[in-house]
Amino acid sequence: MRFLHQLLLHCVSWIKRACRWPFDKGVPERLCVPCVLGPGEVVTRFICSERQIRKSQARPKPGAFNPSPYIELSVAHTSGLRDAEIWEVGRQTLSGEPGRERIYGRADVPVWSLMDVRLRALRDDEPFRRHTSVVDWPIGTDANETKALWKQITLDLSEDLRISLVLPATPIAQF
């Protein structure tokens, strides 16, 4: 039993080092993906609809965090980036698809907030560098239960005061 405990500690230590490795200087960032982000990291949800922003309270609405129709929420890993760099990452996410032409705001989300609602942030760098998927959304016994579970999680995230809403001076569009 002691051997298994030591092995577990060794594996956890190795994983922590592996997930920190890309942030060392001189090491290509793509070598350590996918990896689970820790509680001290920050991810950003780019908001492409004005309807998902509650401007009067400077808060994202619950819909900004809804992963539907998928079971993952697409965000970007933005820890350590300056404001202009974060908006540039957001510009990379835009496409010609309906609803993806402009960014009206962003929600900067500490991974700790995701962990509080039993979600994880998994950086995978696909389809763009720094892409991260918020995973482990609960699945209910039927569609209505799943919808109710997700509704509560998105409501909790929209009311979490650690999550900040940042609005650009003008909406950000593709070049």
Protein backbone atom coordinates (compact mmCIF):
# COMPACT_ATOMS: atom_id res chain seq x y z
CA MET A 1 0.00 0.00 0.00
CA ARG A 2 2.86 2.35 0.81
CA PHE A 3 4.34 1.70 -2.65
CA LEU A 4 1.07 2.72 -4.33
CA HIS A 5 0.92 5.91 -2.27
CA GLN A 6 4.50 6.79 -3.26
CA LEU A 7 3.73 6.01 -6.90
CA LEU A 8 0.65 8.25 -6.78
CA LEU A 9 2.67 11.13 -5.29
CA HIS A 10 5.32 10.67 -7.95
CA CYS A 11 2.72 10.73 -10.74
CA VAL A 12 1.01 13.84 -9.36
CA SER A 13 4.38 15.59 -9.12
CA TRP A 14 5.24 14.63 -12.69
CA ILE A 15 1.89 15.89 -14.00
CA LYS A 16 2.29 19.21 -12.18
CA ARG A 17 5.76 19.66 -13.71
CA ALA A 18 4.50 18.64 -17.16
CA CYS A 19 1.68 21.17 -17.09
CA ARG A 20 4.03 23.96 -15.98
CA TRP A 21 6.70 22.98 -18.51
CA PRO A 22 5.37 25.00 -21.46
CA PHE A 23 5.60 28.18 -19.43
CA ASP A 24 9.35 27.83 -19.02
CA LYS A 25 11.33 30.02 -21.40
CA GLY A 26 12.60 28.46 -24.59
CA VAL A 27 10.15 25.56 -24.62
CA PRO A 28 7.50 25.43 -27.34
CA GLU A 29 4.04 25.83 -25.80
CA ARG A 30 2.38 23.09 -27.85
CA LEU A 31 4.46 20.30 -26.30
CA CYS A 32 2.32 19.92 -23.18
CA VAL A 33 -1.23 19.68 -24.32
CA PRO A 34 -3.76 18.62 -23.39
CA CYS A 35 -3.38 19.44 -19.72
CA VAL A 36 -5.74 20.31 -16.90
CA LEU A 37 -5.34 23.89 -15.69
CA GLY A 38 -4.86 24.51 -12.00
CA PRO A 39 -6.98 26.70 -9.70
CA GLY A 40 -4.60 29.67 -10.00
CA GLU A 41 -5.03 29.93 -13.77
CA VAL A 42 -7.48 32.16 -15.67
CA VAL A 43 -9.56 31.37 -18.75
CA THR A 44 -11.56 33.82 -20.84
CA ARG A 45 -14.97 33.36 -22.41
CA PHE A 46 -15.35 35.69 -25.39
CA ILE A 47 -18.92 36.96 -25.67
CA CYS A 48 -20.21 37.37 -29.24
CA SER A 49 -23.75 38.48 -28.43
CA GLU A 50 -24.83 41.67 -26.69
CA ARG A 51 -27.77 39.70 -25.26
CA GLN A 52 -25.34 37.74 -23.06
CA ILE A 53 -24.19 40.88 -21.23
CA ARG A 54 -25.98 42.63 -18.36
CA LYS A 55 -24.44 46.10 -18.81
CA SER A 56 -26.34 47.71 -15.93
CA GLN A 57 -24.61 45.36 -13.47
CA ALA A 58 -21.42 44.82 -15.51
CA ARG A 59 -21.99 41.06 -15.36
CA PRO A 60 -22.17 38.30 -17.95
CA LYS A 61 -25.58 36.67 -18.19
CA PRO A 62 -25.91 32.91 -17.59
CA GLY A 63 -26.22 32.28 -21.34
CA ALA A 64 -22.61 33.37 -21.81
CA PHE A 65 -21.54 30.16 -20.07
CA ASN A 66 -24.03 27.73 -21.61
CA PRO A 67 -22.20 24.98 -23.54
CA SER A 68 -25.34 23.84 -25.36
CA PRO A 69 -25.61 22.13 -27.84
CA TYR A 70 -22.20 20.69 -26.95
CA ILE A 71 -21.02 19.19 -23.69
CA GLU A 72 -17.95 21.45 -23.55
CA LEU A 73 -17.60 25.21 -23.28
CA SER A 74 -14.94 26.82 -25.47
CA VAL A 75 -12.70 29.35 -23.69
CA ALA A 76 -9.09 30.56 -23.96
CA HIS A 77 -6.29 30.15 -21.41
CA THR A 78 -5.24 33.75 -20.72
CA SER A 79 -3.15 33.58 -17.55
CA GLY A 80 -0.23 35.98 -17.76
CA LEU A 81 -1.44 37.81 -20.87
CA ARG A 82 -1.87 41.58 -21.06
CA ASP A 83 -5.23 43.08 -21.99
CA ALA A 84 -4.29 43.71 -25.65
CA GLU A 85 -2.95 40.16 -25.98
CA ILE A 86 -6.21 38.71 -24.64
CA TRP A 87 -8.23 40.68 -27.19
CA GLU A 88 -5.89 39.43 -29.93
CA VAL A 89 -6.57 35.84 -28.87
CA GLY A 90 -10.27 36.69 -29.08
CA ARG A 91 -9.86 38.07 -32.58
CA GLN A 92 -8.39 34.67 -33.61
CA THR A 93 -11.62 32.98 -32.49
CA LEU A 94 -13.80 34.99 -34.86
CA SER A 95 -15.04 33.51 -38.10
CA GLY A 96 -17.51 34.30 -40.83
CA GLU A 97 -20.11 32.07 -39.17
CA PRO A 98 -23.34 33.74 -38.03
CA GLY A 99 -22.95 34.93 -34.45
CA ARG A 100 -19.13 34.83 -34.60
CA GLU A 101 -18.40 38.13 -36.39
CA ARG A 102 -17.81 40.42 -33.37
CA ILE A 103 -16.80 40.27 -29.73
CA TYR A 104 -18.85 42.51 -27.42
CA GLY A 105 -17.12 41.54 -24.20
CA ARG A 106 -15.28 38.88 -22.33
CA ALA A 107 -15.62 37.11 -19.02
CA ASP A 108 -12.30 36.48 -17.27
CA VAL A 109 -12.88 33.35 -15.21
CA PRO A 110 -10.53 32.05 -12.53
CA VAL A 111 -10.32 28.27 -12.89
CA TRP A 112 -11.10 28.11 -9.17
CA SER A 113 -14.62 29.35 -10.01
CA LEU A 114 -15.05 26.46 -12.43
CA MET A 115 -13.79 24.01 -9.84
CA ASP A 116 -16.36 25.32 -7.35
CA VAL A 117 -19.12 24.08 -9.68
CA ARG A 118 -17.27 20.80 -10.35
CA LEU A 119 -16.00 21.68 -13.83
CA ARG A 120 -12.45 21.41 -15.18
CA ALA A 121 -10.51 23.49 -17.70
CA LEU A 122 -8.61 21.32 -20.19
CA ARG A 123 -6.18 23.19 -22.43
CA ASP A 124 -5.95 21.49 -25.82
CA ASP A 125 -4.75 24.23 -28.23
CA GLU A 126 -7.26 23.12 -30.89
CA PRO A 127 -8.59 24.80 -33.04
CA PHE A 128 -6.37 27.74 -31.98
CA ARG A 129 -3.40 28.27 -29.68
CA ARG A 130 -4.51 28.65 -26.03
CA HIS A 131 -7.91 27.01 -26.71
CA THR A 132 -9.29 25.40 -23.60
CA SER A 133 -12.40 23.32 -23.09
CA VAL A 134 -14.47 23.51 -19.93
CA VAL A 135 -15.45 19.89 -19.36
CA ASP A 136 -17.28 17.61 -16.92
CA TRP A 137 -20.71 19.16 -17.40
CA PRO A 138 -23.16 16.88 -15.59
CA ILE A 139 -25.54 14.73 -17.59
CA GLY A 140 -28.93 14.08 -16.03
CA THR A 141 -31.19 11.08 -16.45
CA ASP A 142 -33.10 12.95 -19.17
CA ALA A 143 -32.80 16.15 -21.23
CA ASN A 144 -34.85 18.21 -18.76
CA GLU A 145 -32.67 17.24 -15.81
CA THR A 146 -29.50 18.02 -17.78
CA LYS A 147 -30.94 21.41 -18.75
CA ALA A 148 -31.78 22.17 -15.11
CA LEU A 149 -28.30 21.18 -13.93
CA TRP A 150 -26.61 23.32 -16.57
CA LYS A 151 -28.95 26.24 -15.84
CA GLN A 152 -27.91 26.22 -12.18
CA ILE A 153 -24.20 26.05 -13.07
CA THR A 154 -24.44 28.92 -15.57
CA LEU A 155 -26.41 30.98 -13.05
CA ASP A 156 -23.78 30.33 -10.36
CA LEU A 157 -21.00 31.37 -12.75
CA SER A 158 -22.82 34.54 -13.85
CA GLU A 159 -23.19 35.58 -10.19
CA ASP A 160 -19.64 34.66 -9.12
CA LEU A 161 -17.94 37.94 -8.15
CA ARG A 162 -14.49 36.51 -8.94
CA ILE A 163 -15.49 36.49 -12.61
CA SER A 164 -14.99 39.87 -14.24
CA LEU A 165 -16.70 41.25 -17.31
CA VAL A 166 -14.46 43.33 -19.57
CA LEU A 167 -15.99 45.41 -22.35
CA PRO A 168 -13.97 46.81 -25.25
CA ALA A 169 -14.41 50.48 -26.24
CA THR A 170 -15.96 49.24 -29.50
CA PRO A 171 -16.88 45.70 -30.56
CA ILE A 172 -13.91 43.72 -31.83
CA ALA A 173 -14.17 42.39 -35.38
CA GLN A 174 -11.98 40.29 -37.62
CA PHE A 175 -9.40 42.23 -39.62
